[in-house]
Amino acid sequence: MTLLVVAAGRPFALEAFQERPEAIKSGAVTGRPLSQYVLGPHDVIMIMAVDWEEVANKPIPIGTAGDITLTMAGRIHAAGMTVSELEEELTKRMKKFLKNPEIAVTLVEFKSQPVILSGEFRSPGTKQLEGQKTLLEVISEAGDLGAEASATVTITRRKEWGELPFSQPLADGSTSTRINLNSIRDASAPEKNIQIQPYDVIAAHRAPTVYAVGQVVSQGRYLLSNIESVSVVQLLGMAGGTTGIADLGKARIIRPIPDSIPIEVAVDLKKIRDKKATDIMLKPGDILVVPENGAKKLFQATLSNVVQTVVTLPLYRF
């Protein structure tokens, strides 16, 4: 569909403008009027109007202070205006020079509403809001969370953009909150699908991982994507239980220690199963090893190499 702008009684087709290569920058959305988009510093606009050749068809960046200066129209503080409000202001000013001016403002580049996505996103980096967006919309446009991300993200907001809902204040006046995305997706807490503001930082964290190896049905890496901790019994349940040749009395937890030798914790699965011993809560990084009956040398080998080999195991999610 060709958009027509009428000025001084003559039609002007914008089809040529929409096809101009210089209007297509990296990540830009061109020829797409967003009338309620709030303009800001460093956004780039283009103005279409007949008989205003000094500005027509030329990219116009909004300055750091939020101003644009145009021949005849003068200086305008565009930052804080919507696209439609800027069109109205330009039309008002140009009535002194043009008969019945009709002016179209088109966004060429969005640069004033950056949001930073860091950590475990499929496509992290700085994104532009390009209007009003919710938390899920921004994350979806970033390709969603990565394969090993926790379901909980942390959002930090500058103080000049107001206080985040459900947040805690930080020393510099900004606010921060943690939101579990699953609580939004399953509609148990839809109010947490908050409106994202410019300069928000959304951090996705790697989910804590525990491991099950040896005589379990499904050896693997188990991501605690939606919970903070898990017990030995819960992990065994996720792993499908033990095999028929497992030595339940000689299981071990290998607990890696940063910059030190891993430690081993004895686990008697038979006693836990028979309610004669307390189930054990695992810590992130713990490796549950269930040996085969009669495998006397398993743990010497396990302690030296299992920490290095578990990363190659299949990945599962709690």
Protein backbone atom coordinates (compact mmCIF):
# COMPACT_ATOMS: atom_id res chain seq x y z
CA MET A 1 0.00 0.00 0.00
CA THR A 2 1.36 3.43 -0.98
CA LEU A 3 1.09 6.16 1.64
CA LEU A 4 0.18 9.56 0.26
CA VAL A 5 1.06 12.80 1.97
CA VAL A 6 -0.79 15.82 0.65
CA ALA A 7 0.81 19.23 0.95
CA ALA A 8 -0.21 22.43 -0.84
CA GLY A 9 -2.95 20.47 -2.58
CA ARG A 10 -0.55 18.02 -4.32
CA PRO A 11 -0.17 14.27 -3.60
CA PHE A 12 3.25 12.83 -2.90
CA ALA A 13 3.89 9.05 -2.91
CA LEU A 14 6.09 7.70 -0.11
CA GLU A 15 6.76 4.46 -1.93
CA ALA A 16 10.15 5.69 -3.09
CA PHE A 17 11.04 6.76 0.44
CA GLN A 18 10.23 3.35 1.85
CA GLU A 19 12.61 1.72 -0.61
CA ARG A 20 15.55 4.03 0.06
CA PRO A 21 18.53 1.91 1.18
CA GLU A 22 19.82 4.59 3.53
CA ALA A 23 16.61 4.29 5.54
CA ILE A 24 17.39 0.69 6.32
CA LYS A 25 20.00 0.53 9.06
CA SER A 26 20.99 -2.38 11.24
CA GLY A 27 18.01 -3.32 13.36
CA ALA A 28 15.92 -0.39 12.11
CA VAL A 29 12.27 -0.57 11.23
CA THR A 30 11.61 1.66 8.28
CA GLY A 31 8.40 2.95 6.77
CA ARG A 32 6.50 1.78 9.85
CA PRO A 33 4.69 4.66 11.57
CA LEU A 34 4.56 4.18 15.33
CA SER A 35 2.41 7.12 16.25
CA GLN A 36 2.63 6.58 20.00
CA TYR A 37 6.35 5.86 20.13
CA VAL A 38 8.01 8.32 22.54
CA LEU A 39 11.00 9.90 20.85
CA GLY A 40 14.31 10.31 22.62
CA PRO A 41 17.94 11.35 22.11
CA HIS A 42 19.73 9.63 19.22
CA ASP A 43 16.55 8.38 17.54
CA VAL A 44 16.64 9.14 13.82
CA ILE A 45 13.54 10.39 12.02
CA MET A 46 12.63 11.36 8.48
CA ILE A 47 10.11 14.05 7.58
CA MET A 48 7.98 13.88 4.44
CA ALA A 49 6.33 17.05 3.12
CA VAL A 50 5.97 18.66 -0.27
CA ASP A 51 7.51 22.14 -0.69
CA TRP A 52 9.81 21.71 2.29
CA GLU A 53 12.80 20.46 0.37
CA GLU A 54 15.34 21.56 2.98
CA VAL A 55 14.35 18.70 5.31
CA ALA A 56 12.33 16.26 3.19
CA ASN A 57 13.76 12.78 2.62
CA LYS A 58 16.78 13.36 4.87
CA PRO A 59 17.59 11.39 8.02
CA ILE A 60 17.41 13.74 11.02
CA PRO A 61 19.03 12.56 14.27
CA ILE A 62 17.64 13.84 17.54
CA GLY A 63 20.49 15.39 19.49
CA THR A 64 21.84 14.33 22.85
CA ALA A 65 19.84 17.13 24.50
CA GLY A 66 16.70 15.89 22.75
CA ASP A 67 16.43 18.71 20.17
CA ILE A 68 16.17 18.97 16.41
CA THR A 69 16.75 22.20 14.49
CA LEU A 70 14.96 22.59 11.16
CA THR A 71 14.93 25.26 8.50
CA MET A 72 11.84 27.45 8.97
CA ALA A 73 10.45 25.34 11.83
CA GLY A 74 13.36 26.22 14.14
CA ARG A 75 14.47 24.34 17.22
CA ILE A 76 12.08 21.74 18.64
CA HIS A 77 12.58 19.67 21.77
CA ALA A 78 11.48 16.36 20.25
CA ALA A 79 12.52 14.09 23.11
CA GLY A 80 9.47 13.18 25.15
CA MET A 81 7.09 13.77 22.23
CA THR A 82 5.31 10.93 20.50
CA VAL A 83 5.65 10.69 16.74
CA SER A 84 2.12 12.02 16.29
CA GLU A 85 2.79 14.94 18.67
CA LEU A 86 5.87 15.90 16.67
CA GLU A 87 3.85 15.76 13.46
CA GLU A 88 1.25 18.08 15.03
CA GLU A 89 3.93 20.52 16.20
CA LEU A 90 5.61 20.59 12.78
CA THR A 91 2.26 21.10 11.07
CA LYS A 92 1.45 23.99 13.41
CA ARG A 93 4.79 25.73 12.78
CA MET A 94 4.76 25.21 9.03
CA LYS A 95 1.34 26.83 8.62
CA LYS A 96 3.27 30.10 8.52
CA PHE A 97 4.98 28.97 5.32
CA LEU A 98 2.77 26.35 3.63
CA LYS A 99 -0.90 26.24 2.78
CA ASN A 100 -2.62 23.33 4.49
CA PRO A 101 0.60 21.46 5.31
CA GLU A 102 0.28 17.74 5.94
CA ILE A 103 3.45 16.26 7.35
CA ALA A 104 4.47 12.67 8.03
CA VAL A 105 7.22 11.71 10.45
CA THR A 106 8.73 8.26 10.05
CA LEU A 107 11.16 6.53 12.39
CA VAL A 108 14.35 5.40 10.67
CA GLU A 109 16.40 4.21 13.64
CA PHE A 110 15.42 3.47 17.23
CA LYS A 111 18.30 4.42 19.50
CA SER A 112 16.80 6.09 22.55
CA GLN A 113 15.27 3.14 24.38
CA PRO A 114 17.99 0.55 24.91
CA VAL A 115 17.45 -2.48 27.11
CA ILE A 116 20.38 -4.67 28.11
CA LEU A 117 19.92 -8.44 28.15
CA SER A 118 22.86 -10.19 29.78
CA GLY A 119 23.74 -13.74 30.65
CA GLU A 120 21.92 -16.87 29.56
CA PHE A 121 19.83 -15.56 26.65
CA ARG A 122 19.92 -17.11 23.20
CA SER A 123 20.66 -13.65 21.83
CA PRO A 124 22.04 -11.39 24.58
CA GLY A 125 23.04 -7.80 24.00
CA THR A 126 21.50 -4.35 23.76
CA LYS A 127 18.01 -4.23 22.23
CA GLN A 128 15.73 -1.29 21.45
CA LEU A 129 12.26 -1.28 22.97
CA GLU A 130 10.67 0.33 19.90
CA GLY A 131 7.60 1.27 21.95
CA GLN A 132 5.80 -0.30 24.88
CA LYS A 133 6.96 -3.86 25.64
CA THR A 134 6.35 -6.31 28.47
CA LEU A 135 9.01 -8.51 30.03
CA LEU A 136 7.93 -11.58 28.05
CA GLU A 137 7.81 -9.63 24.79
CA VAL A 138 11.39 -8.38 25.25
CA ILE A 139 12.65 -11.86 26.15
CA SER A 140 10.82 -13.41 23.21
CA GLU A 141 12.41 -10.92 20.81
CA ALA A 142 15.81 -11.95 22.21
CA GLY A 143 15.15 -15.55 21.21
CA ASP A 144 14.11 -16.59 24.73
CA LEU A 145 16.34 -18.06 27.42
CA GLY A 146 19.30 -20.28 26.66
CA ALA A 147 19.20 -24.02 27.14
CA GLU A 148 20.86 -23.91 30.56
CA ALA A 149 19.16 -20.82 31.98
CA SER A 150 17.21 -20.60 35.20
CA ALA A 151 13.55 -19.65 34.90
CA THR A 152 14.22 -16.70 37.20
CA VAL A 153 15.63 -13.46 35.82
CA THR A 154 16.87 -10.36 37.62
CA ILE A 155 15.75 -6.91 36.44
CA THR A 156 17.49 -3.70 37.49
CA ARG A 157 16.03 -0.25 36.77
CA ARG A 158 17.58 3.22 36.96
CA LYS A 159 15.97 5.50 39.51
CA GLU A 160 15.00 8.10 36.88
CA TRP A 161 12.63 5.55 35.32
CA GLY A 162 10.76 4.94 38.55
CA GLU A 163 10.65 2.04 40.96
CA LEU A 164 10.33 -1.52 39.73
CA PRO A 165 7.30 -3.44 41.02
CA PHE A 166 8.10 -6.11 43.64
CA SER A 167 11.58 -4.61 44.02
CA GLN A 168 14.31 -3.91 46.54
CA PRO A 169 16.18 -0.56 46.58
CA LEU A 170 19.90 -0.54 45.80
CA ALA A 171 22.56 1.80 47.17
CA ASP A 172 22.64 4.00 44.06
CA GLY A 173 18.88 4.58 44.10
CA SER A 174 18.08 2.03 41.41
CA THR A 175 15.79 -0.91 42.15
CA SER A 176 16.09 -4.62 41.44
CA THR A 177 13.72 -7.57 41.42
CA ARG A 178 13.76 -11.28 40.61
CA ILE A 179 10.90 -12.71 38.56
CA ASN A 180 10.18 -16.34 37.77
CA LEU A 181 9.09 -16.44 34.14
CA ASN A 182 7.20 -19.68 34.60
CA SER A 183 4.84 -17.93 37.02
CA ILE A 184 3.90 -15.58 34.16
CA ARG A 185 3.68 -18.26 31.50
CA ASP A 186 1.43 -20.52 33.56
CA ALA A 187 -0.72 -17.50 34.53
CA SER A 188 -0.18 -18.02 38.27
CA ALA A 189 1.31 -14.49 38.56
CA PRO A 190 0.41 -12.55 35.37
CA GLU A 191 0.98 -9.25 37.18
CA LYS A 192 4.72 -9.97 37.09
CA ASN A 193 4.78 -9.54 33.31
CA ILE A 194 5.86 -5.97 33.96
CA GLN A 195 6.32 -3.11 31.51
CA ILE A 196 9.98 -2.73 30.59
CA GLN A 197 11.51 0.75 30.60
CA PRO A 198 14.53 2.15 28.74
CA TYR A 199 17.90 1.22 30.25
CA ASP A 200 16.47 -1.70 32.21
CA VAL A 201 19.02 -4.48 32.63
CA ILE A 202 17.57 -7.98 32.42
CA ALA A 203 19.97 -10.71 33.57
CA ALA A 204 19.35 -14.40 32.94
CA HIS A 205 21.31 -16.73 35.19
CA ARG A 206 22.67 -20.21 34.58
CA ALA A 207 20.49 -22.71 36.41
CA PRO A 208 22.12 -24.67 39.25
CA THR A 209 23.00 -28.17 38.09
CA VAL A 210 23.29 -31.52 39.88
CA TYR A 211 24.45 -34.79 38.36
CA ALA A 212 23.47 -38.45 38.59
CA VAL A 213 25.96 -41.06 37.33
CA GLY A 214 26.62 -44.77 37.67
CA GLN A 215 23.84 -47.29 38.22
CA VAL A 216 20.86 -45.03 37.61
CA VAL A 217 18.41 -45.47 34.75
CA SER A 218 19.16 -42.07 33.19
CA GLN A 219 22.61 -40.70 33.84
CA GLY A 220 22.65 -36.99 33.22
CA ARG A 221 22.97 -33.34 34.14
CA TYR A 222 19.84 -32.11 35.90
CA LEU A 223 19.11 -28.39 35.73
CA LEU A 224 17.25 -26.87 38.67
CA SER A 225 15.62 -24.37 36.36
CA ASN A 226 12.55 -23.70 38.49
CA ILE A 227 13.67 -24.69 42.01
CA GLU A 228 16.54 -23.72 44.27
CA SER A 229 17.48 -27.14 45.64
CA VAL A 230 16.77 -30.86 45.32
CA SER A 231 17.26 -33.92 47.52
CA VAL A 232 18.93 -37.24 46.73
CA VAL A 233 15.56 -39.00 46.57
CA GLN A 234 14.15 -36.35 44.22
CA LEU A 235 17.16 -36.61 41.95
CA LEU A 236 16.89 -40.40 41.83
CA GLY A 237 13.23 -40.06 40.95
CA MET A 238 14.09 -37.78 38.07
CA ALA A 239 16.82 -40.19 36.96
CA GLY A 240 14.34 -43.07 36.83
CA GLY A 241 15.65 -44.78 39.95
CA THR A 242 18.56 -47.18 40.33
CA THR A 243 19.35 -50.24 38.23
CA GLY A 244 19.08 -53.83 39.45
CA ILE A 245 22.84 -54.11 39.98
CA ALA A 246 23.27 -50.93 42.00
CA ASP A 247 25.01 -51.08 45.38
CA LEU A 248 22.59 -48.92 47.38
CA GLY A 249 24.72 -48.91 50.50
CA LYS A 250 27.82 -47.45 48.86
CA ALA A 251 26.55 -44.42 46.97
CA ARG A 252 28.53 -41.20 47.26
CA ILE A 253 28.08 -37.51 46.70
CA ILE A 254 31.09 -35.86 45.10
CA ARG A 255 31.08 -32.17 45.97
CA PRO A 256 33.49 -30.03 43.91
CA ILE A 257 35.25 -27.32 45.89
CA PRO A 258 36.55 -24.28 43.95
CA ASP A 259 40.36 -24.28 43.79
CA SER A 260 40.53 -27.38 45.96
CA ILE A 261 40.13 -31.16 45.91
CA PRO A 262 36.52 -32.40 45.70
CA ILE A 263 35.13 -33.99 48.83
CA GLU A 264 33.08 -37.17 49.11
CA VAL A 265 30.00 -37.73 51.26
CA ALA A 266 28.82 -41.29 51.90
CA VAL A 267 25.14 -41.94 51.13
CA ASP A 268 23.31 -45.11 52.14
CA LEU A 269 20.40 -45.17 49.72
CA LYS A 270 18.98 -48.34 51.28
CA LYS A 271 18.68 -46.71 54.70
CA ILE A 272 17.14 -43.58 53.16
CA ARG A 273 14.67 -45.77 51.22
CA ASP A 274 13.75 -47.67 54.39
CA LYS A 275 13.30 -44.41 56.38
CA LYS A 276 16.26 -45.29 58.62
CA ALA A 277 18.28 -42.30 57.47
CA THR A 278 17.40 -38.73 56.52
CA ASP A 279 17.24 -37.72 52.87
CA ILE A 280 20.11 -35.40 51.92
CA MET A 281 19.72 -32.05 50.20
CA LEU A 282 22.13 -31.58 47.32
CA LYS A 283 24.08 -28.42 46.59
CA PRO A 284 24.57 -26.96 43.11
CA GLY A 285 27.35 -28.89 41.39
CA ASP A 286 26.92 -32.05 43.50
CA ILE A 287 27.45 -35.37 41.72
CA LEU A 288 25.51 -38.40 42.99
CA VAL A 289 27.41 -41.58 42.11
CA VAL A 290 25.70 -44.96 42.48
CA PRO A 291 28.18 -47.84 42.07
CA GLU A 292 27.67 -51.34 40.76
CA ASN A 293 27.73 -54.24 43.21
CA GLY A 294 31.32 -55.37 43.80
CA ALA A 295 32.95 -52.37 42.08
CA LYS A 296 35.59 -51.87 44.76
CA LYS A 297 37.75 -49.41 42.82
CA LEU A 298 34.96 -47.25 41.46
CA PHE A 299 35.47 -44.32 43.79
CA GLN A 300 39.19 -43.92 43.24
CA ALA A 301 38.42 -43.54 39.54
CA THR A 302 35.33 -41.46 40.21
CA LEU A 303 37.08 -38.87 42.34
CA SER A 304 39.80 -38.30 39.75
CA ASN A 305 37.73 -38.08 36.58
CA VAL A 306 33.99 -37.88 37.11
CA VAL A 307 34.08 -34.13 37.76
CA GLN A 308 35.62 -33.66 34.31
CA THR A 309 33.34 -36.11 32.49
CA VAL A 310 29.88 -35.19 33.82
CA VAL A 311 29.66 -32.17 31.51
CA THR A 312 29.26 -34.55 28.55
CA LEU A 313 26.16 -36.22 30.00
CA PRO A 314 22.65 -35.64 28.61
CA LEU A 315 20.86 -32.56 29.92
CA TYR A 316 17.54 -32.72 31.76
CA ARG A 317 15.38 -30.14 33.52
CA PHE A 318 13.55 -30.33 36.82
